[in-house]
Amino acid sequence: MENKTYGNDKKFLSNHFQLVELRSDNKRLLLTPDLQGRVLTSSSDGEDGYSFGWINYDLISSEQCLPHCNNFGGEDRYWLGPEGGQYSIFFEEGSNFGFDDWQAPSLIDTDKWNLTYTDAKKATFTKSAVLKNWTGKTLSCRLDRSVALLDEATVSNELGMAIPVGVDSIVFTSQNQLTNTGEFEWSESTGMLSIWILGQFIPSEKNTVIIPYKKSDQATINDRYFGKIDADRLKVTDHAILFKGDGNKRGKIGIPPEMTIPYAGAYDAENETLTIVHFNFEKKDNVYVNSMWEHQDEPFKGDVINSYNDGPLEDGSIMGPFYEIETSSPAARLKAGETIVHNHTTMHFKGSFESLNEIAIKVLGVNLNDTKI
């Protein structure tokens, strides 16, 4: 869409979905219960401000549902893992781990969720479902979700610094809950679900995903999802993983728990924006689901953070382009009636390089001058 402002996106989306708008001063946040309470887009500068979320205008305009999966877009959507492996909920019992058999559950794809509360700065949603994994085990669950717009005092506390003068910001958080409503405990033998939050954003030629990490002798970055990533698209420094979010070539990386610091971000020099994602993380004895499309030797050795960069397929077609920052909860080892919670906070800052660099150094531990690949 040309002239991609928040106001134009809001007008377009209002023709297709029931919308919930959260607002405070010039900050705007657009959600819909029609798509699982997902955050569609946001603005730090009112109706005429930059619209941060990637939106699939063609798919939404068609008002048709596709086979396999409907990628409508949005900055924060609630998915469930694992996607692949013997405990996957994206493949029917005993099926092959190939695209022809891959199917996103309607619960997290096309289902409308119940809007249970809304005010100017908060909205809550819920949905119950019964899912079956590849092994044939039935998992009954309830998904609850609360999305809130955060004020600048809360954001400053979260950042550990005041937002620099002259920087426009929009910060929102989703609290995502998964409850075992069945009669048995979820474990390694039954398969366990995980909360998986995905944010889709606008790429540019000068956009770089920045993921700070801890060094580990026991774990490495997973870059096997769509084939090995070229050296001119992925760079690992002493403090951060740098990955091109330009929408020019498909690729995906994953960060294991041993290397995880609960922050990820992206700096777009072209649009003068810094995006930071923060989430709750505690290693302890937690394990993470493996979403590789294969029968797995280690189904609970998976990633905590993922980033995907879209690009053309072999036939030249392209879904986006967009780039993603994704975070996952631990595998939900839950007794009947128990709940796991995963919080995912998205922060957008728009301003001068000097001001954005101040935030990046403080929060990500990375100087933006050092993010060129």
Foldseek 3Di string as FASTA:
>chain_A
DPLQFQLVVVVLVVVQFDWDWADDDQKIWIFGLQQVGATAWIALGHRNGHTWWFAQSVQRVVVDDDFAADCGTGFKFKAKDDQAAQFGQQAAAPDALDSVRGHGPCNRGGHRWDWDDDDNFKTKTKDWDWTAGRNGFIFTKMKIKMKGWDDQVVVCVVLVHHQDPFKGKTKMKMKIKMAGQDAFWDDPVRHFMKIKIKGKGDAAPQKKKKFFWDDDPVDDKDWPQPHHDDPQAWDDDPTIIIGHQHLADKTKIFAWLNIHDQKIWMARPVQQKIKMKGKDDDVPPFFAADRRHDHDPCRRGHGFKMKIAWHADPVRDTSGGIIMIMGMDTGDRDGNGDMDIMMMMMMMIGGDLVSVQVSCCSRRVDGPVPRRD
